Amino acid sequence: MPLVIAPQNVELMILRVLADEKDKKHFESLGIAVNQKIMVLSNTNGSVILKVKEGRLALDRNIATKIVVTVC
């Protein structure tokens, strides 16, 4: 499922990042990579706040739709 419709406060695993190589490398530098565990802390109109490792990261709707996750 796309990250924008993922449930909140549930551990998720990233299955796929639908972006070009340049953007994928940028996402990886932020901790968003395939098989990485994340959690949606807040979802407002498609914009999400994630818990990634020990930090928090805010993504807008356009970026969040490119990240495919599953419930762990």
N, C-alpha and C. Protein backbone atom coordinates (compact mmCIF):
# COMPACT_ATOMS: atom_id res chain seq x y z
N MET A 1 0.84 -1.17 0.00
CA MET A 1 0.00 0.00 0.00
C MET A 1 0.89 1.24 0.00
N PRO A 2 0.43 2.31 -0.61
CA PRO A 2 1.20 3.56 -0.55
C PRO A 2 1.25 4.10 0.87
N LEU A 3 2.29 4.80 1.20
CA LEU A 3 2.47 5.33 2.54
C LEU A 3 1.34 6.27 2.96
N VAL A 4 0.72 6.97 2.00
CA VAL A 4 -0.32 7.93 2.34
C VAL A 4 -1.56 7.28 2.94
N ILE A 5 -1.78 5.98 2.70
CA ILE A 5 -2.96 5.30 3.26
C ILE A 5 -2.57 4.27 4.33
N ALA A 6 -1.33 4.27 4.75
CA ALA A 6 -0.86 3.33 5.77
C ALA A 6 -1.42 3.71 7.14
N PRO A 7 -1.67 2.71 7.99
CA PRO A 7 -2.19 3.00 9.33
C PRO A 7 -1.15 3.69 10.21
N GLN A 8 -1.65 4.44 11.17
CA GLN A 8 -0.76 5.15 12.09
C GLN A 8 -0.37 4.25 13.26
N ASN A 9 0.78 4.53 13.83
CA ASN A 9 1.28 3.85 15.03
C ASN A 9 1.38 2.34 14.88
N VAL A 10 1.68 1.88 13.67
CA VAL A 10 1.89 0.47 13.37
C VAL A 10 3.25 0.37 12.67
N GLU A 11 4.04 -0.62 13.04
CA GLU A 11 5.33 -0.79 12.40
C GLU A 11 5.13 -1.25 10.95
N LEU A 12 5.78 -0.56 10.03
CA LEU A 12 5.67 -0.83 8.60
C LEU A 12 7.05 -1.15 8.04
N MET A 13 7.07 -1.90 6.94
CA MET A 13 8.32 -2.18 6.24
C MET A 13 8.19 -1.63 4.83
N ILE A 14 9.24 -0.95 4.39
CA ILE A 14 9.26 -0.40 3.04
C ILE A 14 9.53 -1.52 2.05
N LEU A 15 8.62 -1.67 1.08
CA LEU A 15 8.78 -2.70 0.05
C LEU A 15 9.43 -2.15 -1.21
N ARG A 16 9.09 -0.90 -1.56
CA ARG A 16 9.55 -0.34 -2.81
C ARG A 16 9.55 1.18 -2.72
N VAL A 17 10.49 1.81 -3.40
CA VAL A 17 10.52 3.26 -3.53
C VAL A 17 10.44 3.56 -5.03
N LEU A 18 9.34 4.17 -5.44
CA LEU A 18 9.09 4.43 -6.86
C LEU A 18 9.66 5.80 -7.23
N ALA A 19 10.97 5.82 -7.49
CA ALA A 19 11.64 7.07 -7.83
C ALA A 19 12.86 6.75 -8.68
N ASP A 20 13.42 7.78 -9.28
CA ASP A 20 14.64 7.57 -10.07
C ASP A 20 15.83 7.38 -9.12
N GLU A 21 16.96 7.01 -9.68
CA GLU A 21 18.13 6.66 -8.85
C GLU A 21 18.61 7.82 -7.98
N LYS A 22 18.56 9.03 -8.52
CA LYS A 22 19.00 10.20 -7.76
C LYS A 22 18.13 10.38 -6.51
N ASP A 23 16.81 10.29 -6.69
CA ASP A 23 15.89 10.44 -5.56
C ASP A 23 16.02 9.28 -4.58
N LYS A 24 16.22 8.06 -5.07
CA LYS A 24 16.39 6.91 -4.19
C LYS A 24 17.59 7.09 -3.29
N LYS A 25 18.68 7.60 -3.83
CA LYS A 25 19.88 7.83 -3.02
C LYS A 25 19.61 8.89 -1.96
N HIS A 26 18.84 9.91 -2.32
CA HIS A 26 18.49 10.95 -1.34
C HIS A 26 17.62 10.34 -0.23
N PHE A 27 16.63 9.54 -0.61
CA PHE A 27 15.76 8.89 0.38
C PHE A 27 16.59 8.00 1.30
N GLU A 28 17.53 7.24 0.73
CA GLU A 28 18.38 6.36 1.53
C GLU A 28 19.20 7.15 2.54
N SER A 29 19.64 8.33 2.16
CA SER A 29 20.41 9.16 3.09
C SER A 29 19.54 9.64 4.26
N LEU A 30 18.22 9.67 4.04
CA LEU A 30 17.27 10.05 5.09
C LEU A 30 16.78 8.85 5.90
N GLY A 31 17.19 7.65 5.51
CA GLY A 31 16.78 6.44 6.22
C GLY A 31 15.61 5.72 5.58
N ILE A 32 15.19 6.17 4.40
CA ILE A 32 14.07 5.53 3.71
C ILE A 32 14.65 4.63 2.62
N ALA A 33 14.69 3.33 2.91
CA ALA A 33 15.24 2.36 1.98
C ALA A 33 14.43 1.07 2.07
N VAL A 34 14.55 0.24 1.05
CA VAL A 34 13.84 -1.04 1.02
C VAL A 34 14.25 -1.87 2.23
N ASN A 35 13.27 -2.52 2.85
CA ASN A 35 13.41 -3.37 4.04
C ASN A 35 13.68 -2.58 5.32
N GLN A 36 13.55 -1.27 5.27
CA GLN A 36 13.70 -0.43 6.47
C GLN A 36 12.36 -0.38 7.20
N LYS A 37 12.37 -0.46 8.51
CA LYS A 37 11.15 -0.36 9.30
C LYS A 37 10.90 1.10 9.67
N ILE A 38 9.64 1.52 9.48
CA ILE A 38 9.23 2.89 9.79
C ILE A 38 7.88 2.85 10.48
N MET A 39 7.43 3.99 10.98
CA MET A 39 6.11 4.09 11.60
C MET A 39 5.52 5.45 11.25
N VAL A 40 4.24 5.47 10.85
CA VAL A 40 3.55 6.73 10.58
C VAL A 40 3.05 7.26 11.92
N LEU A 41 3.51 8.44 12.29
CA LEU A 41 3.08 9.07 13.53
C LEU A 41 1.88 9.97 13.31
N SER A 42 1.79 10.59 12.13
CA SER A 42 0.71 11.51 11.82
C SER A 42 0.47 11.51 10.32
N ASN A 43 -0.81 11.65 9.93
CA ASN A 43 -1.16 11.71 8.52
C ASN A 43 -2.25 12.77 8.37
N THR A 44 -1.91 13.87 7.69
CA THR A 44 -2.86 14.95 7.49
C THR A 44 -2.94 15.28 6.00
N ASN A 45 -4.07 14.96 5.39
CA ASN A 45 -4.29 15.22 3.95
C ASN A 45 -3.19 14.63 3.07
N GLY A 46 -2.67 13.48 3.46
CA GLY A 46 -1.64 12.80 2.67
C GLY A 46 -0.23 13.14 3.07
N SER A 47 -0.01 14.25 3.75
CA SER A 47 1.32 14.58 4.28
C SER A 47 1.53 13.76 5.54
N VAL A 48 2.69 13.16 5.68
CA VAL A 48 2.93 12.25 6.80
C VAL A 48 4.15 12.66 7.61
N ILE A 49 4.11 12.32 8.89
CA ILE A 49 5.27 12.42 9.76
C ILE A 49 5.63 11.00 10.14
N LEU A 50 6.87 10.63 9.86
CA LEU A 50 7.34 9.27 10.07
C LEU A 50 8.33 9.20 11.21
N LYS A 51 8.35 8.05 11.85
CA LYS A 51 9.45 7.71 12.75
C LYS A 51 10.37 6.82 11.93
N VAL A 52 11.57 7.31 11.68
CA VAL A 52 12.58 6.57 10.93
C VAL A 52 13.78 6.39 11.84
N LYS A 53 14.08 5.15 12.18
CA LYS A 53 15.13 4.84 13.15
C LYS A 53 14.82 5.59 14.44
N GLU A 54 15.66 6.50 14.88
CA GLU A 54 15.42 7.21 16.14
C GLU A 54 14.95 8.65 15.91
N GLY A 55 14.68 9.02 14.66
CA GLY A 55 14.28 10.40 14.35
C GLY A 55 12.91 10.48 13.72
N ARG A 56 12.50 11.70 13.43
CA ARG A 56 11.22 11.95 12.76
C ARG A 56 11.49 12.65 11.44
N LEU A 57 10.61 12.37 10.47
CA LEU A 57 10.77 12.92 9.14
C LEU A 57 9.40 13.27 8.59
N ALA A 58 9.24 14.47 8.04
CA ALA A 58 7.99 14.89 7.43
C ALA A 58 8.10 14.79 5.91
N LEU A 59 7.08 14.18 5.29
CA LEU A 59 7.03 14.04 3.84
C LEU A 59 5.72 14.59 3.31
N ASP A 60 5.77 15.28 2.17
CA ASP A 60 4.52 15.75 1.58
C ASP A 60 3.85 14.62 0.81
N ARG A 61 2.64 14.87 0.37
CA ARG A 61 1.82 13.84 -0.28
C ARG A 61 2.49 13.29 -1.54
N ASN A 62 3.12 14.15 -2.34
CA ASN A 62 3.75 13.71 -3.59
C ASN A 62 4.86 12.69 -3.33
N ILE A 63 5.63 12.91 -2.33
CA ILE A 63 6.72 11.98 -2.00
C ILE A 63 6.17 10.72 -1.34
N ALA A 64 5.21 10.89 -0.43
CA ALA A 64 4.66 9.75 0.31
C ALA A 64 3.97 8.74 -0.61
N THR A 65 3.42 9.20 -1.74
CA THR A 65 2.76 8.27 -2.65
C THR A 65 3.77 7.40 -3.39
N LYS A 66 5.05 7.78 -3.40
CA LYS A 66 6.09 7.01 -4.10
C LYS A 66 6.68 5.91 -3.23
N ILE A 67 6.26 5.81 -1.98
CA ILE A 67 6.80 4.83 -1.05
C ILE A 67 5.75 3.77 -0.77
N VAL A 68 6.06 2.52 -1.10
CA VAL A 68 5.15 1.40 -0.93
C VAL A 68 5.57 0.61 0.30
N VAL A 69 4.61 0.37 1.22
CA VAL A 69 4.91 -0.29 2.48
C VAL A 69 3.95 -1.45 2.73
N THR A 70 4.29 -2.27 3.73
CA THR A 70 3.42 -3.33 4.20
C THR A 70 3.52 -3.35 5.73
N VAL A 71 2.49 -3.88 6.37
CA VAL A 71 2.50 -4.01 7.82
C VAL A 71 3.43 -5.17 8.19
N CYS A 72 4.27 -4.96 9.18
CA CYS A 72 5.21 -6.01 9.64
C CYS A 72 4.47 -7.09 10.40
